[in-house]
Amino acid sequence: IVSIIGPNGAGKTTVFNLITGLYRPSSGDIRLAGQ
């Protein structure tokens, strides 16, 4: 169980949206089970 915390506007929900495909990263990679 991993938590992402931070003040309002820290980027937490943006990270969720990147992981789930709502946004596409400008750079970097996101892998699930190595893919």
PDB file of all heavy atoms in Angstrom:
ATOM      1  N   ILE A   1       0.880  -1.161   0.000  1.00  0.00           N
ATOM      2  CA  ILE A   1       0.000   0.000   0.000  1.00  0.00           C
ATOM      3  C   ILE A   1       0.920   1.214   0.000  1.00  0.00           C
ATOM      4  O   ILE A   1       1.646   1.446   0.966  1.00  0.00           O
ATOM      5  CB  ILE A   1      -0.930   0.039   1.224  1.00  0.00           C
ATOM      6  CG1 ILE A   1      -1.867  -1.178   1.230  1.00  0.00           C
ATOM      7  CG2 ILE A   1      -1.746   1.330   1.240  1.00  0.00           C
ATOM      8  CD1 ILE A   1      -2.758  -1.264   2.459  1.00  0.00           C
ATOM      9  N   VAL A   2       0.916   1.952  -1.084  1.00  0.00           N
ATOM     10  CA  VAL A   2       1.803   3.108  -1.248  1.00  0.00           C
ATOM     11  C   VAL A   2       0.943   4.362  -1.342  1.00  0.00           C
ATOM     12  O   VAL A   2      -0.048   4.397  -2.081  1.00  0.00           O
ATOM     13  CB  VAL A   2       2.684   2.969  -2.507  1.00  0.00           C
ATOM     14  CG1 VAL A   2       3.514   4.230  -2.731  1.00  0.00           C
ATOM     15  CG2 VAL A   2       3.588   1.753  -2.381  1.00  0.00           C
ATOM     16  N   SER A   3       1.310   5.383  -0.591  1.00  0.00           N
ATOM     17  CA  SER A   3       0.570   6.642  -0.608  1.00  0.00           C
ATOM     18  C   SER A   3       1.386   7.732  -1.282  1.00  0.00           C
ATOM     19  O   SER A   3       2.599   7.817  -1.101  1.00  0.00           O
ATOM     20  CB  SER A   3       0.234   7.087   0.817  1.00  0.00           C
ATOM     21  OG  SER A   3      -0.668   6.194   1.433  1.00  0.00           O
ATOM     22  N   ILE A   4       0.695   8.559  -2.069  1.00  0.00           N
ATOM     23  CA  ILE A   4       1.277   9.784  -2.607  1.00  0.00           C
ATOM     24  C   ILE A   4       0.658  10.935  -1.833  1.00  0.00           C
ATOM     25  O   ILE A   4      -0.559  11.102  -1.812  1.00  0.00           O
ATOM     26  CB  ILE A   4       0.987   9.949  -4.106  1.00  0.00           C
ATOM     27  CG1 ILE A   4       1.506   8.754  -4.905  1.00  0.00           C
ATOM     28  CG2 ILE A   4       1.607  11.241  -4.632  1.00  0.00           C
ATOM     29  CD1 ILE A   4       1.178   8.814  -6.386  1.00  0.00           C
ATOM     30  N   ILE A   5       1.497  11.728  -1.171  1.00  0.00           N
ATOM     31  CA  ILE A   5       0.993  12.847  -0.386  1.00  0.00           C
ATOM     32  C   ILE A   5       1.679  14.134  -0.839  1.00  0.00           C
ATOM     33  O   ILE A   5       2.666  14.105  -1.576  1.00  0.00           O
ATOM     34  CB  ILE A   5       1.196  12.631   1.131  1.00  0.00           C
ATOM     35  CG1 ILE A   5       2.690  12.655   1.496  1.00  0.00           C
ATOM     36  CG2 ILE A   5       0.548  11.336   1.590  1.00  0.00           C
ATOM     37  CD1 ILE A   5       2.938  12.654   3.016  1.00  0.00           C
ATOM     38  N   GLY A   6       1.150  15.239  -0.369  1.00  0.00           N
ATOM     39  CA  GLY A   6       1.717  16.536  -0.694  1.00  0.00           C
ATOM     40  C   GLY A   6       0.655  17.607  -0.569  1.00  0.00           C
ATOM     41  O   GLY A   6      -0.547  17.314  -0.562  1.00  0.00           O
ATOM     42  N   PRO A   7       1.069  18.870  -0.484  1.00  0.00           N
ATOM     43  CA  PRO A   7       0.108  19.972  -0.368  1.00  0.00           C
ATOM     44  C   PRO A   7      -0.781  20.065  -1.602  1.00  0.00           C
ATOM     45  O   PRO A   7      -0.522  19.438  -2.637  1.00  0.00           O
ATOM     46  CB  PRO A   7       1.008  21.217  -0.249  1.00  0.00           C
ATOM     47  CG  PRO A   7       2.369  20.699   0.071  1.00  0.00           C
ATOM     48  CD  PRO A   7       2.460  19.330  -0.511  1.00  0.00           C
ATOM     49  N   ASN A   8      -1.833  20.870  -1.509  1.00  0.00           N
ATOM     50  CA  ASN A   8      -2.687  21.103  -2.668  1.00  0.00           C
ATOM     51  C   ASN A   8      -1.855  21.640  -3.828  1.00  0.00           C
ATOM     52  O   ASN A   8      -0.986  22.496  -3.636  1.00  0.00           O
ATOM     53  CB  ASN A   8      -3.797  22.107  -2.328  1.00  0.00           C
ATOM     54  CG  ASN A   8      -4.829  21.528  -1.381  1.00  0.00           C
ATOM     55  OD1 ASN A   8      -5.046  20.325  -1.355  1.00  0.00           O
ATOM     56  ND2 ASN A   8      -5.455  22.382  -0.588  1.00  0.00           N
ATOM     57  N   GLY A   9      -2.135  21.128  -5.034  1.00  0.00           N
ATOM     58  CA  GLY A   9      -1.394  21.581  -6.196  1.00  0.00           C
ATOM     59  C   GLY A   9      -0.037  20.937  -6.369  1.00  0.00           C
ATOM     60  O   GLY A   9       0.760  21.360  -7.210  1.00  0.00           O
ATOM     61  N   ALA A  10       0.224  19.868  -5.602  1.00  0.00           N
ATOM     62  CA  ALA A  10       1.542  19.224  -5.658  1.00  0.00           C
ATOM     63  C   ALA A  10       1.725  18.359  -6.899  1.00  0.00           C
ATOM     64  O   ALA A  10       2.844  17.974  -7.225  1.00  0.00           O
ATOM     65  CB  ALA A  10       1.767  18.382  -4.402  1.00  0.00           C
ATOM     66  N   GLY A  11       0.626  18.014  -7.566  1.00  0.00           N
ATOM     67  CA  GLY A  11       0.720  17.184  -8.768  1.00  0.00           C
ATOM     68  C   GLY A  11       0.264  15.756  -8.576  1.00  0.00           C
ATOM     69  O   GLY A  11       0.453  14.916  -9.460  1.00  0.00           O
ATOM     70  N   LYS A  12      -0.372  15.458  -7.452  1.00  0.00           N
ATOM     71  CA  LYS A  12      -0.739  14.083  -7.126  1.00  0.00           C
ATOM     72  C   LYS A  12      -1.747  13.503  -8.129  1.00  0.00           C
ATOM     73  O   LYS A  12      -1.548  12.412  -8.661  1.00  0.00           O
ATOM     74  CB  LYS A  12      -1.310  14.034  -5.697  1.00  0.00           C
ATOM     75  CG  LYS A  12      -0.370  14.571  -4.625  1.00  0.00           C
ATOM     76  CD  LYS A  12      -0.954  14.456  -3.237  1.00  0.00           C
ATOM     77  CE  LYS A  12      -2.200  15.299  -3.023  1.00  0.00           C
ATOM     78  NZ  LYS A  12      -1.925  16.767  -3.117  1.00  0.00           N
ATOM     79  N   THR A  13      -2.848  14.224  -8.356  1.00  0.00           N
ATOM     80  CA  THR A  13      -3.857  13.723  -9.281  1.00  0.00           C
ATOM     81  C   THR A  13      -3.332  13.695 -10.711  1.00  0.00           C
ATOM     82  O   THR A  13      -3.702  12.810 -11.499  1.00  0.00           O
ATOM     83  CB  THR A  13      -5.139  14.570  -9.179  1.00  0.00           C
ATOM     84  OG1 THR A  13      -5.688  14.430  -7.855  1.00  0.00           O
ATOM     85  CG2 THR A  13      -6.186  14.115 -10.183  1.00  0.00           C
ATOM     86  N   THR A  14      -2.448  14.631 -11.058  1.00  0.00           N
ATOM     87  CA  THR A  14      -1.831  14.600 -12.393  1.00  0.00           C
ATOM     88  C   THR A  14      -1.045  13.310 -12.578  1.00  0.00           C
ATOM     89  O   THR A  14      -1.087  12.691 -13.648  1.00  0.00           O
ATOM     90  CB  THR A  14      -0.908  15.811 -12.595  1.00  0.00           C
ATOM     91  OG1 THR A  14      -1.669  17.021 -12.464  1.00  0.00           O
ATOM     92  CG2 THR A  14      -0.261  15.792 -13.973  1.00  0.00           C
ATOM     93  N   VAL A  15      -0.337  12.870 -11.537  1.00  0.00           N
ATOM     94  CA  VAL A  15       0.394  11.604 -11.614  1.00  0.00           C
ATOM     95  C   VAL A  15      -0.577  10.453 -11.850  1.00  0.00           C
ATOM     96  O   VAL A  15      -0.329   9.576 -12.689  1.00  0.00           O
ATOM     97  CB  VAL A  15       1.217  11.373 -10.326  1.00  0.00           C
ATOM     98  CG1 VAL A  15       1.731   9.935 -10.248  1.00  0.00           C
ATOM     99  CG2 VAL A  15       2.390  12.345 -10.268  1.00  0.00           C
ATOM    100  N   PHE A  16      -1.709  10.441 -11.141  1.00  0.00           N
ATOM    101  CA  PHE A  16      -2.721   9.403 -11.365  1.00  0.00           C
ATOM    102  C   PHE A  16      -3.217   9.434 -12.809  1.00  0.00           C
ATOM    103  O   PHE A  16      -3.393   8.392 -13.444  1.00  0.00           O
ATOM    104  CB  PHE A  16      -3.903   9.607 -10.407  1.00  0.00           C
ATOM    105  CG  PHE A  16      -3.834   8.771  -9.154  1.00  0.00           C
ATOM    106  CD1 PHE A  16      -2.619   8.491  -8.550  1.00  0.00           C
ATOM    107  CD2 PHE A  16      -4.974   8.274  -8.562  1.00  0.00           C
ATOM    108  CE1 PHE A  16      -2.546   7.730  -7.393  1.00  0.00           C
ATOM    109  CE2 PHE A  16      -4.931   7.506  -7.403  1.00  0.00           C
ATOM    110  CZ  PHE A  16      -3.710   7.242  -6.827  1.00  0.00           C
ATOM    111  N   ASN A  17      -3.464  10.636 -13.325  1.00  0.00           N
ATOM    112  CA  ASN A  17      -3.970  10.761 -14.695  1.00  0.00           C
ATOM    113  C   ASN A  17      -2.936  10.302 -15.714  1.00  0.00           C
ATOM    114  O   ASN A  17      -3.301   9.773 -16.772  1.00  0.00           O
ATOM    115  CB  ASN A  17      -4.374  12.206 -14.972  1.00  0.00           C
ATOM    116  CG  ASN A  17      -5.631  12.618 -14.221  1.00  0.00           C
ATOM    117  OD1 ASN A  17      -6.425  11.773 -13.810  1.00  0.00           O
ATOM    118  ND2 ASN A  17      -5.813  13.913 -14.038  1.00  0.00           N
ATOM    119  N   LEU A  18      -1.668  10.471 -15.406  1.00  0.00           N
ATOM    120  CA  LEU A  18      -0.603   9.981 -16.286  1.00  0.00           C
ATOM    121  C   LEU A  18      -0.544   8.454 -16.260  1.00  0.00           C
ATOM    122  O   LEU A  18      -0.410   7.802 -17.298  1.00  0.00           O
ATOM    123  CB  LEU A  18       0.742  10.568 -15.865  1.00  0.00           C
ATOM    124  CG  LEU A  18       0.936  12.064 -16.141  1.00  0.00           C
ATOM    125  CD1 LEU A  18       2.129  12.590 -15.357  1.00  0.00           C
ATOM    126  CD2 LEU A  18       1.137  12.316 -17.627  1.00  0.00           C
ATOM    127  N   ILE A  19      -0.653   7.877 -15.072  1.00  0.00           N
ATOM    128  CA  ILE A  19      -0.579   6.421 -14.938  1.00  0.00           C
ATOM    129  C   ILE A  19      -1.741   5.748 -15.661  1.00  0.00           C
ATOM    130  O   ILE A  19      -1.569   4.713 -16.315  1.00  0.00           O
ATOM    131  CB  ILE A  19      -0.572   6.014 -13.451  1.00  0.00           C
ATOM    132  CG1 ILE A  19       0.709   6.518 -12.756  1.00  0.00           C
ATOM    133  CG2 ILE A  19      -0.673   4.494 -13.297  1.00  0.00           C
ATOM    134  CD1 ILE A  19       0.679   6.352 -11.239  1.00  0.00           C
ATOM    135  N   THR A  20      -2.930   6.352 -15.571  1.00  0.00           N
ATOM    136  CA  THR A  20      -4.132   5.719 -16.113  1.00  0.00           C
ATOM    137  C   THR A  20      -4.419   6.082 -17.560  1.00  0.00           C
ATOM    138  O   THR A  20      -5.438   5.659 -18.118  1.00  0.00           O
ATOM    139  CB  THR A  20      -5.357   6.076 -15.247  1.00  0.00           C
ATOM    140  OG1 THR A  20      -5.468   7.505 -15.148  1.00  0.00           O
ATOM    141  CG2 THR A  20      -5.223   5.484 -13.859  1.00  0.00           C
ATOM    142  N   GLY A  21      -3.554   6.864 -18.194  1.00  0.00           N
ATOM    143  CA  GLY A  21      -3.699   7.143 -19.613  1.00  0.00           C
ATOM    144  C   GLY A  21      -4.565   8.331 -19.969  1.00  0.00           C
ATOM    145  O   GLY A  21      -4.790   8.599 -21.151  1.00  0.00           O
ATOM    146  N   LEU A  22      -5.058   9.075 -18.960  1.00  0.00           N
ATOM    147  CA  LEU A  22      -5.821  10.285 -19.259  1.00  0.00           C
ATOM    148  C   LEU A  22      -4.906  11.369 -19.821  1.00  0.00           C
ATOM    149  O   LEU A  22      -5.328  12.179 -20.654  1.00  0.00           O
ATOM    150  CB  LEU A  22      -6.537  10.787 -17.995  1.00  0.00           C
ATOM    151  CG  LEU A  22      -7.714   9.935 -17.515  1.00  0.00           C
ATOM    152  CD1 LEU A  22      -8.246  10.466 -16.195  1.00  0.00           C
ATOM    153  CD2 LEU A  22      -8.827   9.902 -18.551  1.00  0.00           C
ATOM    154  N   TYR A  23      -3.668  11.417 -19.340  1.00  0.00           N
ATOM    155  CA  TYR A  23      -2.644  12.301 -19.888  1.00  0.00           C
ATOM    156  C   TYR A  23      -1.498  11.445 -20.419  1.00  0.00           C
ATOM    157  O   TYR A  23      -1.271  10.332 -19.933  1.00  0.00           O
ATOM    158  CB  TYR A  23      -2.069  13.237 -18.823  1.00  0.00           C
ATOM    159  CG  TYR A  23      -3.030  14.213 -18.197  1.00  0.00           C
ATOM    160  CD1 TYR A  23      -2.781  14.711 -16.918  1.00  0.00           C
ATOM    161  CD2 TYR A  23      -4.173  14.652 -18.866  1.00  0.00           C
ATOM    162  CE1 TYR A  23      -3.633  15.623 -16.327  1.00  0.00           C
ATOM    163  CE2 TYR A  23      -5.040  15.553 -18.272  1.00  0.00           C
ATOM    164  CZ  TYR A  23      -4.770  16.040 -17.002  1.00  0.00           C
ATOM    165  OH  TYR A  23      -5.623  16.936 -16.417  1.00  0.00           O
ATOM    166  N   ARG A  24      -0.773  11.990 -21.372  1.00  0.00           N
ATOM    167  CA  ARG A  24       0.439  11.345 -21.860  1.00  0.00           C
ATOM    168  C   ARG A  24       1.630  12.149 -21.358  1.00  0.00           C
ATOM    169  O   ARG A  24       1.662  13.372 -21.506  1.00  0.00           O
ATOM    170  CB  ARG A  24       0.454  11.276 -23.387  1.00  0.00           C
ATOM    171  CG  ARG A  24       1.696  10.582 -23.928  1.00  0.00           C
ATOM    172  CD  ARG A  24       1.568  10.265 -25.395  1.00  0.00           C
ATOM    173  NE  ARG A  24       2.737   9.528 -25.870  1.00  0.00           N
ATOM    174  CZ  ARG A  24       2.750   8.774 -26.956  1.00  0.00           C
ATOM    175  NH1 ARG A  24       1.637   8.656 -27.672  1.00  0.00           N
ATOM    176  NH2 ARG A  24       3.838   8.145 -27.324  1.00  0.00           N
ATOM    177  N   PRO A  25       2.639  11.498 -20.775  1.00  0.00           N
ATOM    178  CA  PRO A  25       3.794  12.241 -20.264  1.00  0.00           C
ATOM    179  C   PRO A  25       4.507  13.006 -21.374  1.00  0.00           C
ATOM    180  O   PRO A  25       4.571  12.552 -22.523  1.00  0.00           O
ATOM    181  CB  PRO A  25       4.697  11.143 -19.697  1.00  0.00           C
ATOM    182  CG  PRO A  25       3.815   9.971 -19.470  1.00  0.00           C
ATOM    183  CD  PRO A  25       2.759  10.051 -20.525  1.00  0.00           C
ATOM    184  N   SER A  26       5.055  14.174 -21.012  1.00  0.00           N
ATOM    185  CA  SER A  26       5.900  14.910 -21.953  1.00  0.00           C
ATOM    186  C   SER A  26       7.220  14.182 -22.145  1.00  0.00           C
ATOM    187  O   SER A  26       7.822  14.231 -23.213  1.00  0.00           O
ATOM    188  CB  SER A  26       6.145  16.332 -21.430  1.00  0.00           C
ATOM    189  OG  SER A  26       4.911  17.004 -21.216  1.00  0.00           O
ATOM    190  N   SER A  27       7.674  13.504 -21.093  1.00  0.00           N
ATOM    191  CA  SER A  27       8.874  12.669 -21.162  1.00  0.00           C
ATOM    192  C   SER A  27       8.836  11.667 -20.021  1.00  0.00           C
ATOM    193  O   SER A  27       8.048  11.793 -19.093  1.00  0.00           O
ATOM    194  CB  SER A  27      10.144  13.529 -21.078  1.00  0.00           C
ATOM    195  OG  SER A  27      10.197  14.237 -19.848  1.00  0.00           O
ATOM    196  N   GLY A  28       9.712  10.661 -20.097  1.00  0.00           N
ATOM    197  CA  GLY A  28       9.755   9.624 -19.074  1.00  0.00           C
ATOM    198  C   GLY A  28       8.933   8.414 -19.475  1.00  0.00           C
ATOM    199  O   GLY A  28       8.314   8.381 -20.533  1.00  0.00           O
ATOM    200  N   ASP A  29       8.914   7.417 -18.605  1.00  0.00           N
ATOM    201  CA  ASP A  29       8.220   6.169 -18.905  1.00  0.00           C
ATOM    202  C   ASP A  29       7.448   5.694 -17.684  1.00  0.00           C
ATOM    203  O   ASP A  29       7.842   5.944 -16.535  1.00  0.00           O
ATOM    204  CB  ASP A  29       9.228   5.100 -19.337  1.00  0.00           C
ATOM    205  CG  ASP A  29       8.559   3.909 -20.029  1.00  0.00           C
ATOM    206  OD1 ASP A  29       7.374   4.022 -20.388  1.00  0.00           O
ATOM    207  OD2 ASP A  29       9.229   2.873 -20.202  1.00  0.00           O
ATOM    208  N   ILE A  30       6.339   5.019 -17.951  1.00  0.00           N
ATOM    209  CA  ILE A  30       5.520   4.396 -16.909  1.00  0.00           C
ATOM    210  C   ILE A  30       5.330   2.941 -17.306  1.00  0.00           C
ATOM    211  O   ILE A  30       4.849   2.655 -18.404  1.00  0.00           O
ATOM    212  CB  ILE A  30       4.150   5.087 -16.779  1.00  0.00           C
ATOM    213  CG1 ILE A  30       4.331   6.573 -16.433  1.00  0.00           C
ATOM    214  CG2 ILE A  30       3.298   4.389 -15.707  1.00  0.00           C
ATOM    215  CD1 ILE A  30       3.040   7.373 -16.492  1.00  0.00           C
ATOM    216  N   ARG A  31       5.712   2.020 -16.418  1.00  0.00           N
ATOM    217  CA  ARG A  31       5.643   0.597 -16.745  1.00  0.00           C
ATOM    218  C   ARG A  31       4.806  -0.155 -15.710  1.00  0.00           C
ATOM    219  O   ARG A  31       4.940   0.076 -14.504  1.00  0.00           O
ATOM    220  CB  ARG A  31       7.052   0.002 -16.804  1.00  0.00           C
ATOM    221  CG  ARG A  31       7.916   0.582 -17.916  1.00  0.00           C
ATOM    222  CD  ARG A  31       9.296  -0.059 -17.951  1.00  0.00           C
ATOM    223  NE  ARG A  31      10.098   0.272 -16.779  1.00  0.00           N
ATOM    224  CZ  ARG A  31      10.830   1.377 -16.675  1.00  0.00           C
ATOM    225  NH1 ARG A  31      10.864   2.267 -17.658  1.00  0.00           N
ATOM    226  NH2 ARG A  31      11.545   1.607 -15.589  1.00  0.00           N
ATOM    227  N   LEU A  32       3.965  -1.035 -16.208  1.00  0.00           N
ATOM    228  CA  LEU A  32       3.191  -1.940 -15.356  1.00  0.00           C
ATOM    229  C   LEU A  32       3.672  -3.346 -15.646  1.00  0.00           C
ATOM    230  O   LEU A  32       3.595  -3.806 -16.796  1.00  0.00           O
ATOM    231  CB  LEU A  32       1.699  -1.810 -15.637  1.00  0.00           C
ATOM    232  CG  LEU A  32       0.772  -2.657 -14.757  1.00  0.00           C
ATOM    233  CD1 LEU A  32       0.804  -2.163 -13.312  1.00  0.00           C
ATOM    234  CD2 LEU A  32      -0.662  -2.641 -15.299  1.00  0.00           C
ATOM    235  N   ALA A  33       4.199  -4.014 -14.636  1.00  0.00           N
ATOM    236  CA  ALA A  33       4.766  -5.359 -14.799  1.00  0.00           C
ATOM    237  C   ALA A  33       5.798  -5.386 -15.922  1.00  0.00           C
ATOM    238  O   ALA A  33       5.856  -6.333 -16.712  1.00  0.00           O
ATOM    239  CB  ALA A  33       3.663  -6.379 -15.048  1.00  0.00           C
ATOM    240  N   GLY A  34       6.585  -4.330 -16.005  1.00  0.00           N
ATOM    241  CA  GLY A  34       7.672  -4.274 -16.971  1.00  0.00           C
ATOM    242  C   GLY A  34       7.294  -3.796 -18.347  1.00  0.00           C
ATOM    243  O   GLY A  34       8.172  -3.589 -19.206  1.00  0.00           O
ATOM    244  N   GLN A  35       5.990  -3.588 -18.622  1.00  0.00           N
ATOM    245  CA  GLN A  35       5.536  -3.152 -19.940  1.00  0.00           C
ATOM    246  C   GLN A  35       5.085  -1.699 -19.898  1.00  0.00           C
ATOM    247  O   GLN A  35       4.319  -1.306 -19.014  1.00  0.00           O
ATOM    248  CB  GLN A  35       4.387  -4.031 -20.427  1.00  0.00           C
ATOM    249  CG  GLN A  35       4.791  -5.477 -20.686  1.00  0.00           C
ATOM    250  CD  GLN A  35       3.657  -6.289 -21.293  1.00  0.00           C
ATOM    251  OE1 GLN A  35       2.528  -6.226 -20.819  1.00  0.00           O
ATOM    252  NE2 GLN A  35       3.948  -7.041 -22.335  1.00  0.00           N
TER     253      GLN A  35
END
